[in-house]
Amino acid sequence: MSLSWAQLESTPLLDLVGQGENVHTEFKRLVHSPWKIAKSIVAFANTEGGVILIGVDDDRRITGIHSEKEMLEVIHDAVRFHVEPAVDIETVVEEYRRRLVLLVFIPESTLKPHYHITREDKGKTPGTVTGKQVYTRVGSHNKAASRDRICLMESAERPLKISFGASEKLLLDHLEHHGSITAQEFSTLAGLPLQTALQKLVSMVRAGAIILCSKGQHSYYALP
């Protein structure tokens, strides 16, 4: 069983390693690319928080790091250039049998969604191409978030406004008989623009009347 975020910072290194990778824990033998490690930072911040152990292999062997300074620079660049908005993190170095492990703690954010930013040169054309993607932590992997999940994150900063009209009744009746529905299906069923349908679904999720579920890259709604 994975440890909760509240337990992570007080958990001994060997216990973190022993539980393996999961929704709150990720291992990295080394990190060289800021934009790659930024994906994990974004995913943890957008989900329930977590810790990245740098100097630990996928098979749970503690291999250690050669340069604490180099690893910290990579993490700093990741947060500075490849995470938007910025995420507050905490770093701790622990020693095990003369091997150093860098622990990067990322709390669950109150500023979701955080975006993973990529920048690529255009080649002969001056300037760069910027890409933005939201990731969340699903099990031991970082997964691209669906439009529905991003919309739910964005709505958290707004006051909850919900009405129970004909479209909401239609939604609940459909779920009672069919079990699930997508935003596009609800849009068609209720004769609503897709964005309006999505906003109604998100409000119902926030109110606890329905839940948002994900399967791969696809999202759908169901009764609790």
Protein backbone atom coordinates (compact mmCIF):
# COMPACT_ATOMS: atom_id res chain seq x y z
CA MET A 1 0.00 0.00 0.00
CA SER A 2 1.33 3.46 -0.87
CA LEU A 3 1.88 6.00 1.87
CA SER A 4 -0.24 9.12 2.00
CA TRP A 5 1.31 12.51 1.28
CA ALA A 6 1.11 13.36 4.99
CA GLN A 7 3.35 10.38 5.79
CA LEU A 8 5.99 10.89 3.11
CA GLU A 9 8.24 13.51 4.71
CA SER A 10 8.53 11.56 7.98
CA THR A 11 9.10 8.17 6.35
CA PRO A 12 12.64 6.69 6.46
CA LEU A 13 14.43 6.36 3.14
CA LEU A 14 14.50 2.56 3.17
CA ASP A 15 10.75 2.42 3.80
CA LEU A 16 10.10 4.71 0.83
CA VAL A 17 12.31 2.53 -1.36
CA GLY A 18 10.76 -0.67 -0.03
CA GLN A 19 7.22 0.27 -1.00
CA GLY A 20 8.23 0.73 -4.65
CA GLU A 21 6.91 3.23 -7.16
CA ASN A 22 3.26 4.21 -6.79
CA VAL A 23 0.92 7.18 -6.94
CA HIS A 24 3.07 9.09 -4.42
CA THR A 25 6.58 7.80 -5.16
CA GLU A 26 8.88 7.73 -8.19
CA PHE A 27 12.47 6.52 -8.60
CA LYS A 28 15.10 8.05 -10.85
CA ARG A 29 18.62 6.66 -11.19
CA LEU A 30 19.82 10.06 -12.42
CA VAL A 31 18.23 13.12 -14.03
CA HIS A 32 19.88 15.02 -16.87
CA SER A 33 16.93 16.67 -18.58
CA PRO A 34 14.94 19.40 -16.78
CA TRP A 35 11.92 19.03 -19.07
CA LYS A 36 11.70 15.28 -18.42
CA ILE A 37 11.74 15.51 -14.63
CA ALA A 38 9.33 18.47 -14.83
CA LYS A 39 6.66 16.08 -16.11
CA SER A 40 6.76 14.16 -12.81
CA ILE A 41 6.75 17.37 -10.77
CA VAL A 42 3.65 18.57 -12.63
CA ALA A 43 1.91 15.20 -12.26
CA PHE A 44 2.45 15.03 -8.49
CA ALA A 45 1.39 18.66 -7.99
CA ASN A 46 -1.80 18.07 -10.00
CA THR A 47 -2.71 14.91 -8.07
CA GLU A 48 -2.04 14.13 -4.41
CA GLY A 49 1.59 15.20 -4.06
CA GLY A 50 4.57 12.86 -3.91
CA VAL A 51 8.31 12.38 -3.71
CA ILE A 52 10.93 11.71 -6.39
CA LEU A 53 13.94 9.71 -5.18
CA ILE A 54 16.97 10.49 -7.35
CA GLY A 55 19.70 7.90 -6.95
CA VAL A 56 17.35 4.91 -6.80
CA ASP A 57 16.93 2.50 -9.71
CA ASP A 58 13.61 1.08 -10.92
CA ASP A 59 14.47 -2.24 -9.26
CA ARG A 60 14.77 -0.43 -5.89
CA ARG A 61 18.58 -0.53 -5.79
CA ILE A 62 20.07 2.55 -4.16
CA THR A 63 22.74 3.57 -6.67
CA GLY A 64 23.32 7.09 -5.36
CA ILE A 65 24.17 10.32 -7.16
CA HIS A 66 27.62 11.68 -7.95
CA SER A 67 26.87 15.39 -7.72
CA GLU A 68 24.25 16.87 -5.44
CA LYS A 69 24.88 20.29 -6.98
CA GLU A 70 24.28 19.04 -10.54
CA MET A 71 21.02 17.30 -9.62
CA LEU A 72 19.74 20.36 -7.76
CA GLU A 73 20.49 22.54 -10.78
CA VAL A 74 18.46 20.22 -13.01
CA ILE A 75 15.51 20.33 -10.57
CA HIS A 76 15.76 24.12 -10.30
CA ASP A 77 15.71 24.50 -14.09
CA ALA A 78 12.78 22.08 -14.33
CA VAL A 79 10.63 24.18 -12.00
CA ARG A 80 11.81 27.49 -13.44
CA PHE A 81 11.47 26.78 -17.15
CA HIS A 82 9.14 23.78 -17.56
CA VAL A 83 6.39 24.13 -14.92
CA GLU A 84 3.63 26.73 -15.13
CA PRO A 85 2.57 28.10 -12.73
CA ALA A 86 5.61 27.39 -10.55
CA VAL A 87 5.41 24.67 -7.88
CA ASP A 88 6.83 24.91 -4.37
CA ILE A 89 9.10 21.93 -3.71
CA GLU A 90 11.40 20.79 -0.92
CA THR A 91 14.66 18.91 -1.42
CA VAL A 92 16.49 16.72 1.11
CA VAL A 93 19.71 14.73 0.71
CA GLU A 94 20.06 11.47 2.64
CA GLU A 95 23.01 9.11 2.82
CA TYR A 96 22.85 5.32 2.74
CA ARG A 97 26.07 3.30 2.83
CA ARG A 98 28.07 6.29 1.54
CA ARG A 99 25.62 6.80 -1.32
CA LEU A 100 23.65 10.02 -1.58
CA VAL A 101 19.96 10.09 -2.50
CA LEU A 102 18.21 13.33 -3.38
CA LEU A 103 14.57 13.42 -2.29
CA VAL A 104 12.34 15.94 -4.04
CA PHE A 105 9.05 16.49 -2.20
CA ILE A 106 6.18 17.96 -4.22
CA PRO A 107 2.98 18.82 -2.30
CA GLU A 108 -0.45 18.68 -3.86
CA SER A 109 -1.03 22.14 -5.28
CA THR A 110 -3.87 24.55 -4.65
CA LEU A 111 -3.15 26.22 -8.00
CA LYS A 112 -4.16 23.39 -10.35
CA PRO A 113 -3.78 22.82 -13.18
CA HIS A 114 -0.02 23.06 -13.57
CA TYR A 115 1.27 22.76 -17.12
CA HIS A 116 4.34 20.95 -18.38
CA ILE A 117 6.08 23.35 -20.76
CA THR A 118 8.24 22.21 -23.67
CA ARG A 119 10.21 24.53 -25.92
CA GLU A 120 11.74 23.49 -29.22
CA ASP A 121 13.80 25.44 -31.72
CA LYS A 122 12.07 26.12 -35.04
CA GLY A 123 15.23 25.31 -36.94
CA LYS A 124 15.96 27.95 -39.57
CA THR A 125 13.12 30.14 -38.33
CA PRO A 126 13.99 32.41 -35.34
CA GLY A 127 12.28 31.66 -32.05
CA THR A 128 10.89 28.56 -30.36
CA VAL A 129 7.74 26.47 -30.38
CA THR A 130 6.07 26.13 -26.99
CA GLY A 131 3.96 23.13 -26.00
CA LYS A 132 1.75 22.86 -22.89
CA GLN A 133 0.32 19.68 -21.38
CA VAL A 134 -1.31 18.82 -18.08
CA TYR A 135 -0.24 15.56 -16.43
CA THR A 136 -1.62 13.70 -13.43
CA ARG A 137 -0.33 10.73 -11.47
CA VAL A 138 -2.16 7.47 -12.20
CA GLY A 139 -0.70 4.56 -10.26
CA SER A 140 3.06 4.66 -10.86
CA HIS A 141 2.82 6.56 -14.16
CA ASN A 142 2.37 10.14 -15.34
CA LYS A 143 -0.60 10.43 -17.69
CA ALA A 144 -1.84 13.28 -19.85
CA ALA A 145 -5.02 14.68 -18.32
CA SER A 146 -8.25 14.70 -20.30
CA ARG A 147 -10.12 17.89 -21.16
CA ASP A 148 -12.74 16.95 -18.52
CA ARG A 149 -10.10 16.55 -15.79
CA ILE A 150 -8.50 19.89 -16.68
CA CYS A 151 -11.89 21.62 -16.63
CA LEU A 152 -12.56 20.17 -13.17
CA MET A 153 -9.21 21.48 -11.90
CA GLU A 154 -9.88 24.95 -13.34
CA SER A 155 -13.31 25.11 -11.73
CA ALA A 156 -11.93 24.63 -8.21
CA GLU A 157 -11.06 28.33 -7.95
CA ARG A 158 -14.59 29.42 -8.84
CA PRO A 159 -17.60 29.46 -6.48
CA LEU A 160 -19.82 26.41 -6.96
CA LYS A 161 -23.04 27.30 -8.73
CA ILE A 162 -25.46 24.51 -9.48
CA SER A 163 -29.06 24.35 -10.57
CA PHE A 164 -31.26 21.30 -10.95
CA GLY A 165 -33.22 21.68 -14.12
CA ALA A 166 -34.38 19.54 -17.01
CA SER A 167 -30.89 18.78 -18.31
CA GLU A 168 -29.64 17.68 -14.87
CA LYS A 169 -32.68 15.43 -14.42
CA LEU A 170 -32.08 14.00 -17.89
CA LEU A 171 -28.47 13.31 -16.91
CA LEU A 172 -29.34 11.46 -13.70
CA ASP A 173 -32.07 9.44 -15.41
CA HIS A 174 -29.61 8.42 -18.11
CA LEU A 175 -27.00 7.37 -15.54
CA GLU A 176 -29.53 5.32 -13.60
CA HIS A 177 -30.40 3.35 -16.73
CA HIS A 178 -27.07 3.25 -18.59
CA GLY A 179 -24.41 3.65 -15.92
CA SER A 180 -22.13 6.19 -17.62
CA ILE A 181 -22.02 9.09 -20.06
CA THR A 182 -19.36 11.22 -21.74
CA ALA A 183 -19.46 14.99 -22.07
CA GLN A 184 -20.13 14.67 -25.81
CA GLU A 185 -22.98 12.21 -25.20
CA PHE A 186 -24.53 14.51 -22.60
CA SER A 187 -24.19 17.45 -24.98
CA THR A 188 -26.14 15.54 -27.63
CA LEU A 189 -28.67 14.12 -25.17
CA ALA A 190 -29.52 17.49 -23.63
CA GLY A 191 -29.14 19.54 -26.80
CA LEU A 192 -26.47 21.74 -25.22
CA PRO A 193 -23.24 23.20 -26.61
CA LEU A 194 -20.36 20.97 -25.55
CA GLN A 195 -18.76 23.60 -23.29
CA THR A 196 -22.08 24.23 -21.51
CA ALA A 197 -22.59 20.49 -21.04
CA LEU A 198 -19.07 20.15 -19.66
CA GLN A 199 -19.62 22.98 -17.19
CA LYS A 200 -22.83 21.38 -15.94
CA LEU A 201 -21.09 18.02 -15.52
CA VAL A 202 -18.20 19.58 -13.61
CA SER A 203 -20.62 21.39 -11.29
CA MET A 204 -22.41 18.11 -10.60
CA VAL A 205 -19.07 16.45 -9.82
CA ARG A 206 -18.10 19.22 -7.41
CA ALA A 207 -21.49 18.90 -5.72
CA GLY A 208 -20.94 15.17 -5.23
CA ALA A 209 -23.92 14.13 -7.36
CA ILE A 210 -21.77 12.31 -9.95
CA ILE A 211 -18.12 11.29 -10.31
CA LEU A 212 -15.56 11.76 -13.07
CA CYS A 213 -13.88 8.51 -14.14
CA SER A 214 -10.97 7.94 -16.52
CA LYS A 215 -10.03 5.00 -18.69
CA GLY A 216 -6.84 5.59 -20.62
CA GLN A 217 -7.16 8.96 -22.34
CA HIS A 218 -10.96 8.88 -22.13
CA SER A 219 -13.16 10.35 -19.40
CA TYR A 220 -16.77 9.60 -18.53
CA TYR A 221 -19.23 10.32 -15.74
CA ALA A 222 -21.09 7.93 -13.44
CA LEU A 223 -23.10 7.88 -10.25
CA PRO A 224 -21.08 7.70 -7.00
